[in-house]
Amino acid sequence: MTKNNYLKPSQQTQDEALKIAKGIQRPAQTKEQTRLVAQGIQKGIDLYKKQQKEKARELNRRLRKISTQKDQPVLSDDPELQISIVYRQHWLPWLLLLMSWGGVGIYLFINE
């Protein structure tokens, strides 16, 4: 059973939606059509706000979870577990550099 807990949108949202709807209004468009467009924009704004609130709640949950994990001490003093950071570069930039210098060399060799 779904519960419809839709609240009436704020006056600011309604004003903003009406302003946008009037900004994109066509010359032959009636007031009723403009009102319907404003309602659609208003629903879009409400949906966007709802999604942003959900993202913020999820982020807060993750941050809370990480902070509780950080408070727990890590009892890993095993000498076999050493962290080593290996920096590797991709080969493509070096290949392009060598090819460009090779092209310059061939150009200079031919044009002299």
N, C-alpha and C. Protein backbone atom coordinates (compact mmCIF):
# COMPACT_ATOMS: atom_id res chain seq x y z
N MET A 1 0.84 -1.17 0.00
CA MET A 1 0.00 0.00 0.00
C MET A 1 0.90 1.24 0.00
N THR A 2 0.75 2.07 -0.97
CA THR A 2 1.57 3.27 -1.05
C THR A 2 0.85 4.43 -0.41
N LYS A 3 1.64 5.23 0.25
CA LYS A 3 1.08 6.37 0.94
C LYS A 3 1.46 7.63 0.16
N ASN A 4 0.50 8.44 -0.17
CA ASN A 4 0.77 9.66 -0.91
C ASN A 4 1.02 10.77 0.09
N ASN A 5 2.29 11.08 0.32
CA ASN A 5 2.64 12.12 1.27
C ASN A 5 3.18 13.34 0.52
N TYR A 6 2.53 13.67 -0.59
CA TYR A 6 2.95 14.82 -1.40
C TYR A 6 2.53 16.09 -0.70
N LEU A 7 3.49 16.92 -0.41
CA LEU A 7 3.21 18.19 0.22
C LEU A 7 3.05 19.27 -0.85
N LYS A 8 2.31 20.30 -0.51
CA LYS A 8 2.13 21.40 -1.45
C LYS A 8 3.48 22.10 -1.62
N PRO A 9 3.85 22.36 -2.87
CA PRO A 9 5.15 22.99 -3.10
C PRO A 9 5.20 24.40 -2.52
N SER A 10 6.39 24.85 -2.24
CA SER A 10 6.55 26.18 -1.64
C SER A 10 6.16 27.26 -2.65
N GLN A 11 5.86 28.42 -2.12
CA GLN A 11 5.48 29.55 -2.97
C GLN A 11 6.64 29.96 -3.86
N GLN A 12 7.86 29.83 -3.34
CA GLN A 12 9.05 30.17 -4.13
C GLN A 12 9.17 29.25 -5.35
N THR A 13 8.92 27.96 -5.16
CA THR A 13 8.98 27.01 -6.27
C THR A 13 7.90 27.32 -7.29
N GLN A 14 6.70 27.66 -6.81
CA GLN A 14 5.60 27.99 -7.72
C GLN A 14 5.92 29.24 -8.54
N ASP A 15 6.48 30.24 -7.87
CA ASP A 15 6.83 31.48 -8.56
C ASP A 15 7.93 31.24 -9.59
N GLU A 16 8.91 30.45 -9.21
CA GLU A 16 10.01 30.15 -10.13
C GLU A 16 9.51 29.37 -11.35
N ALA A 17 8.64 28.41 -11.13
CA ALA A 17 8.09 27.62 -12.24
C ALA A 17 7.26 28.50 -13.16
N LEU A 18 6.45 29.40 -12.60
CA LEU A 18 5.64 30.30 -13.42
C LEU A 18 6.52 31.26 -14.21
N LYS A 19 7.58 31.73 -13.60
CA LYS A 19 8.51 32.64 -14.28
C LYS A 19 9.17 31.93 -15.48
N ILE A 20 9.59 30.69 -15.27
CA ILE A 20 10.20 29.92 -16.36
C ILE A 20 9.18 29.65 -17.46
N ALA A 21 7.96 29.29 -17.05
CA ALA A 21 6.91 29.00 -18.04
C ALA A 21 6.58 30.23 -18.87
N LYS A 22 6.53 31.39 -18.25
CA LYS A 22 6.25 32.62 -19.00
C LYS A 22 7.42 32.98 -19.90
N GLY A 23 8.63 32.60 -19.49
CA GLY A 23 9.80 32.87 -20.30
C GLY A 23 9.85 32.06 -21.58
N ILE A 24 9.25 30.86 -21.56
CA ILE A 24 9.26 30.00 -22.75
C ILE A 24 7.88 29.97 -23.42
N GLN A 25 7.02 30.89 -23.05
CA GLN A 25 5.65 30.92 -23.58
C GLN A 25 5.65 31.26 -25.06
N ARG A 26 4.83 30.56 -25.83
CA ARG A 26 4.66 30.80 -27.27
C ARG A 26 3.63 31.91 -27.47
N PRO A 27 3.67 32.59 -28.61
CA PRO A 27 2.73 33.72 -28.84
C PRO A 27 1.26 33.32 -28.79
N ALA A 28 0.88 32.18 -29.32
CA ALA A 28 -0.53 31.79 -29.38
C ALA A 28 -0.95 30.93 -28.19
N GLN A 29 -0.14 30.86 -27.18
CA GLN A 29 -0.41 29.97 -26.04
C GLN A 29 -1.38 30.64 -25.07
N THR A 30 -2.35 29.86 -24.58
CA THR A 30 -3.34 30.39 -23.65
C THR A 30 -2.80 30.37 -22.23
N LYS A 31 -3.52 31.07 -21.33
CA LYS A 31 -3.10 31.11 -19.93
C LYS A 31 -3.18 29.71 -19.31
N GLU A 32 -4.20 28.97 -19.72
CA GLU A 32 -4.37 27.60 -19.20
C GLU A 32 -3.18 26.72 -19.59
N GLN A 33 -2.75 26.84 -20.85
CA GLN A 33 -1.60 26.06 -21.30
C GLN A 33 -0.32 26.47 -20.55
N THR A 34 -0.17 27.77 -20.33
CA THR A 34 0.99 28.26 -19.58
C THR A 34 0.95 27.73 -18.15
N ARG A 35 -0.24 27.70 -17.56
CA ARG A 35 -0.37 27.18 -16.20
C ARG A 35 0.01 25.69 -16.14
N LEU A 36 -0.41 24.93 -17.16
CA LEU A 36 -0.07 23.51 -17.20
C LEU A 36 1.44 23.31 -17.37
N VAL A 37 2.06 24.15 -18.19
CA VAL A 37 3.52 24.07 -18.36
C VAL A 37 4.20 24.40 -17.05
N ALA A 38 3.69 25.42 -16.34
CA ALA A 38 4.26 25.80 -15.05
C ALA A 38 4.13 24.65 -14.05
N GLN A 39 3.01 23.94 -14.07
CA GLN A 39 2.83 22.79 -13.18
C GLN A 39 3.84 21.70 -13.49
N GLY A 40 4.09 21.46 -14.79
CA GLY A 40 5.08 20.46 -15.17
C GLY A 40 6.47 20.84 -14.72
N ILE A 41 6.82 22.10 -14.89
CA ILE A 41 8.13 22.59 -14.43
C ILE A 41 8.24 22.47 -12.92
N GLN A 42 7.15 22.81 -12.24
CA GLN A 42 7.13 22.72 -10.78
C GLN A 42 7.34 21.29 -10.31
N LYS A 43 6.71 20.33 -10.97
CA LYS A 43 6.90 18.93 -10.62
C LYS A 43 8.34 18.51 -10.87
N GLY A 44 8.93 19.02 -11.95
CA GLY A 44 10.33 18.72 -12.24
C GLY A 44 11.25 19.27 -11.17
N ILE A 45 10.98 20.50 -10.72
CA ILE A 45 11.79 21.10 -9.66
C ILE A 45 11.65 20.30 -8.38
N ASP A 46 10.43 19.91 -8.04
CA ASP A 46 10.20 19.11 -6.83
C ASP A 46 10.92 17.76 -6.91
N LEU A 47 10.86 17.12 -8.07
CA LEU A 47 11.55 15.85 -8.24
C LEU A 47 13.06 16.02 -8.09
N TYR A 48 13.61 17.09 -8.66
CA TYR A 48 15.04 17.38 -8.55
C TYR A 48 15.43 17.58 -7.08
N LYS A 49 14.63 18.36 -6.36
CA LYS A 49 14.92 18.60 -4.95
C LYS A 49 14.86 17.30 -4.15
N LYS A 50 13.89 16.46 -4.48
CA LYS A 50 13.74 15.17 -3.79
C LYS A 50 14.97 14.30 -4.04
N GLN A 51 15.45 14.26 -5.29
CA GLN A 51 16.63 13.47 -5.61
C GLN A 51 17.86 13.99 -4.89
N GLN A 52 17.99 15.31 -4.81
CA GLN A 52 19.15 15.89 -4.14
C GLN A 52 19.11 15.60 -2.64
N LYS A 53 17.93 15.63 -2.05
CA LYS A 53 17.81 15.29 -0.63
C LYS A 53 18.19 13.84 -0.39
N GLU A 54 17.76 12.94 -1.29
CA GLU A 54 18.10 11.52 -1.16
C GLU A 54 19.62 11.32 -1.28
N LYS A 55 20.24 12.03 -2.22
CA LYS A 55 21.69 11.92 -2.37
C LYS A 55 22.40 12.42 -1.12
N ALA A 56 21.91 13.52 -0.55
CA ALA A 56 22.51 14.07 0.66
C ALA A 56 22.36 13.10 1.82
N ARG A 57 21.20 12.46 1.94
CA ARG A 57 21.00 11.47 3.01
C ARG A 57 21.94 10.29 2.84
N GLU A 58 22.08 9.82 1.60
CA GLU A 58 22.98 8.68 1.33
C GLU A 58 24.43 9.05 1.65
N LEU A 59 24.83 10.25 1.29
CA LEU A 59 26.18 10.71 1.59
C LEU A 59 26.40 10.79 3.10
N ASN A 60 25.40 11.30 3.82
CA ASN A 60 25.51 11.37 5.28
C ASN A 60 25.62 9.97 5.89
N ARG A 61 24.86 9.02 5.34
CA ARG A 61 24.95 7.64 5.85
C ARG A 61 26.35 7.09 5.64
N ARG A 62 26.89 7.31 4.44
CA ARG A 62 28.23 6.80 4.15
C ARG A 62 29.28 7.46 5.04
N LEU A 63 29.18 8.77 5.22
CA LEU A 63 30.13 9.48 6.08
C LEU A 63 30.04 8.99 7.52
N ARG A 64 28.82 8.78 7.99
CA ARG A 64 28.64 8.28 9.35
C ARG A 64 29.24 6.88 9.49
N LYS A 65 29.03 6.04 8.47
CA LYS A 65 29.56 4.69 8.51
C LYS A 65 31.09 4.70 8.50
N ILE A 66 31.67 5.55 7.68
CA ILE A 66 33.13 5.64 7.62
C ILE A 66 33.69 6.18 8.93
N SER A 67 33.03 7.17 9.51
CA SER A 67 33.54 7.73 10.76
C SER A 67 33.47 6.71 11.90
N THR A 68 32.43 5.86 11.90
CA THR A 68 32.37 4.84 12.94
C THR A 68 33.42 3.77 12.72
N GLN A 69 33.73 3.47 11.46
CA GLN A 69 34.78 2.50 11.17
C GLN A 69 36.15 3.06 11.51
N LYS A 70 36.32 4.35 11.34
CA LYS A 70 37.60 4.99 11.61
C LYS A 70 37.89 4.98 13.11
N ASP A 71 36.83 5.06 13.93
CA ASP A 71 37.00 5.07 15.38
C ASP A 71 37.48 3.72 15.91
N GLN A 72 37.17 2.66 15.20
CA GLN A 72 37.58 1.33 15.65
C GLN A 72 39.06 1.13 15.33
N PRO A 73 39.87 0.71 16.31
CA PRO A 73 41.31 0.55 16.05
C PRO A 73 41.58 -0.66 15.15
N VAL A 74 42.59 -0.52 14.35
CA VAL A 74 43.00 -1.60 13.47
C VAL A 74 44.17 -2.32 14.15
N LEU A 75 44.00 -3.61 14.40
CA LEU A 75 45.01 -4.37 15.12
C LEU A 75 45.84 -5.21 14.16
N SER A 76 46.39 -4.57 13.16
CA SER A 76 47.15 -5.29 12.16
C SER A 76 48.59 -4.80 12.17
N ASP A 77 49.43 -5.41 13.00
CA ASP A 77 50.85 -5.09 13.04
C ASP A 77 51.66 -6.21 12.43
N ASP A 78 51.09 -6.87 11.46
CA ASP A 78 51.73 -7.99 10.80
C ASP A 78 52.86 -7.48 9.91
N PRO A 79 54.09 -7.96 10.08
CA PRO A 79 55.20 -7.46 9.26
C PRO A 79 55.09 -7.87 7.80
N GLU A 80 54.30 -8.89 7.50
CA GLU A 80 54.14 -9.33 6.12
C GLU A 80 53.24 -8.39 5.32
N LEU A 81 52.41 -7.64 6.03
CA LEU A 81 51.49 -6.73 5.35
C LEU A 81 52.12 -5.35 5.25
N GLN A 82 52.90 -5.14 4.24
CA GLN A 82 53.49 -3.84 4.00
C GLN A 82 52.85 -3.25 2.75
N ILE A 83 52.49 -2.01 2.86
CA ILE A 83 51.85 -1.35 1.74
C ILE A 83 52.94 -0.74 0.86
N SER A 84 52.91 -1.10 -0.40
CA SER A 84 53.85 -0.51 -1.34
C SER A 84 53.06 0.14 -2.46
N ILE A 85 53.40 1.37 -2.73
CA ILE A 85 52.72 2.13 -3.77
C ILE A 85 53.60 2.09 -5.01
N VAL A 86 53.01 1.62 -6.10
CA VAL A 86 53.73 1.52 -7.35
C VAL A 86 53.10 2.49 -8.34
N TYR A 87 53.91 3.41 -8.81
CA TYR A 87 53.43 4.37 -9.80
C TYR A 87 53.79 3.85 -11.18
N ARG A 88 52.78 3.68 -12.00
CA ARG A 88 53.01 3.20 -13.36
C ARG A 88 52.43 4.21 -14.32
N GLN A 89 53.19 4.44 -15.38
CA GLN A 89 52.72 5.37 -16.39
C GLN A 89 52.24 4.56 -17.59
N HIS A 90 51.32 5.15 -18.29
CA HIS A 90 50.79 4.49 -19.47
C HIS A 90 51.80 4.65 -20.61
N TRP A 91 51.84 3.70 -21.52
CA TRP A 91 52.83 3.70 -22.59
C TRP A 91 52.44 4.59 -23.76
N LEU A 92 51.17 4.94 -23.89
CA LEU A 92 50.70 5.72 -25.03
C LEU A 92 51.34 7.11 -25.14
N PRO A 93 51.44 7.90 -24.07
CA PRO A 93 52.07 9.21 -24.21
C PRO A 93 53.54 9.11 -24.66
N TRP A 94 54.24 8.11 -24.15
CA TRP A 94 55.63 7.95 -24.56
C TRP A 94 55.72 7.56 -26.03
N LEU A 95 54.83 6.71 -26.48
CA LEU A 95 54.82 6.31 -27.90
C LEU A 95 54.53 7.52 -28.79
N LEU A 96 53.56 8.34 -28.40
CA LEU A 96 53.24 9.53 -29.18
C LEU A 96 54.41 10.52 -29.20
N LEU A 97 55.10 10.65 -28.07
CA LEU A 97 56.26 11.53 -28.02
C LEU A 97 57.36 11.05 -28.96
N LEU A 98 57.65 9.76 -28.93
CA LEU A 98 58.68 9.21 -29.80
C LEU A 98 58.29 9.33 -31.27
N MET A 99 57.02 9.11 -31.58
CA MET A 99 56.57 9.22 -32.97
C MET A 99 56.66 10.66 -33.46
N SER A 100 56.31 11.63 -32.60
CA SER A 100 56.38 13.03 -33.02
C SER A 100 57.83 13.45 -33.25
N TRP A 101 58.76 13.05 -32.36
CA TRP A 101 60.17 13.37 -32.55
C TRP A 101 60.72 12.65 -33.78
N GLY A 102 60.27 11.44 -34.01
CA GLY A 102 60.69 10.73 -35.22
C GLY A 102 60.21 11.44 -36.47
N GLY A 103 58.97 11.92 -36.44
CA GLY A 103 58.43 12.67 -37.57
C GLY A 103 59.19 13.96 -37.82
N VAL A 104 59.56 14.67 -36.75
CA VAL A 104 60.35 15.89 -36.89
C VAL A 104 61.71 15.56 -37.47
N GLY A 105 62.33 14.49 -37.00
CA GLY A 105 63.64 14.08 -37.51
C GLY A 105 63.58 13.73 -38.98
N ILE A 106 62.57 12.98 -39.39
CA ILE A 106 62.42 12.61 -40.81
C ILE A 106 62.17 13.85 -41.65
N TYR A 107 61.35 14.78 -41.16
CA TYR A 107 61.07 16.01 -41.88
C TYR A 107 62.35 16.82 -42.09
N LEU A 108 63.16 16.97 -41.04
CA LEU A 108 64.40 17.71 -41.15
C LEU A 108 65.40 17.00 -42.08
N PHE A 109 65.42 15.68 -42.03
CA PHE A 109 66.34 14.92 -42.87
C PHE A 109 65.98 15.06 -44.34
N ILE A 110 64.69 15.05 -44.66
CA ILE A 110 64.24 15.13 -46.05
C ILE A 110 64.41 16.55 -46.60
N ASN A 111 64.13 17.57 -45.80
CA ASN A 111 64.13 18.96 -46.28
C ASN A 111 65.50 19.62 -46.25
N GLU A 112 66.56 18.93 -45.89
CA GLU A 112 67.88 19.55 -45.91
C GLU A 112 68.64 19.26 -47.14
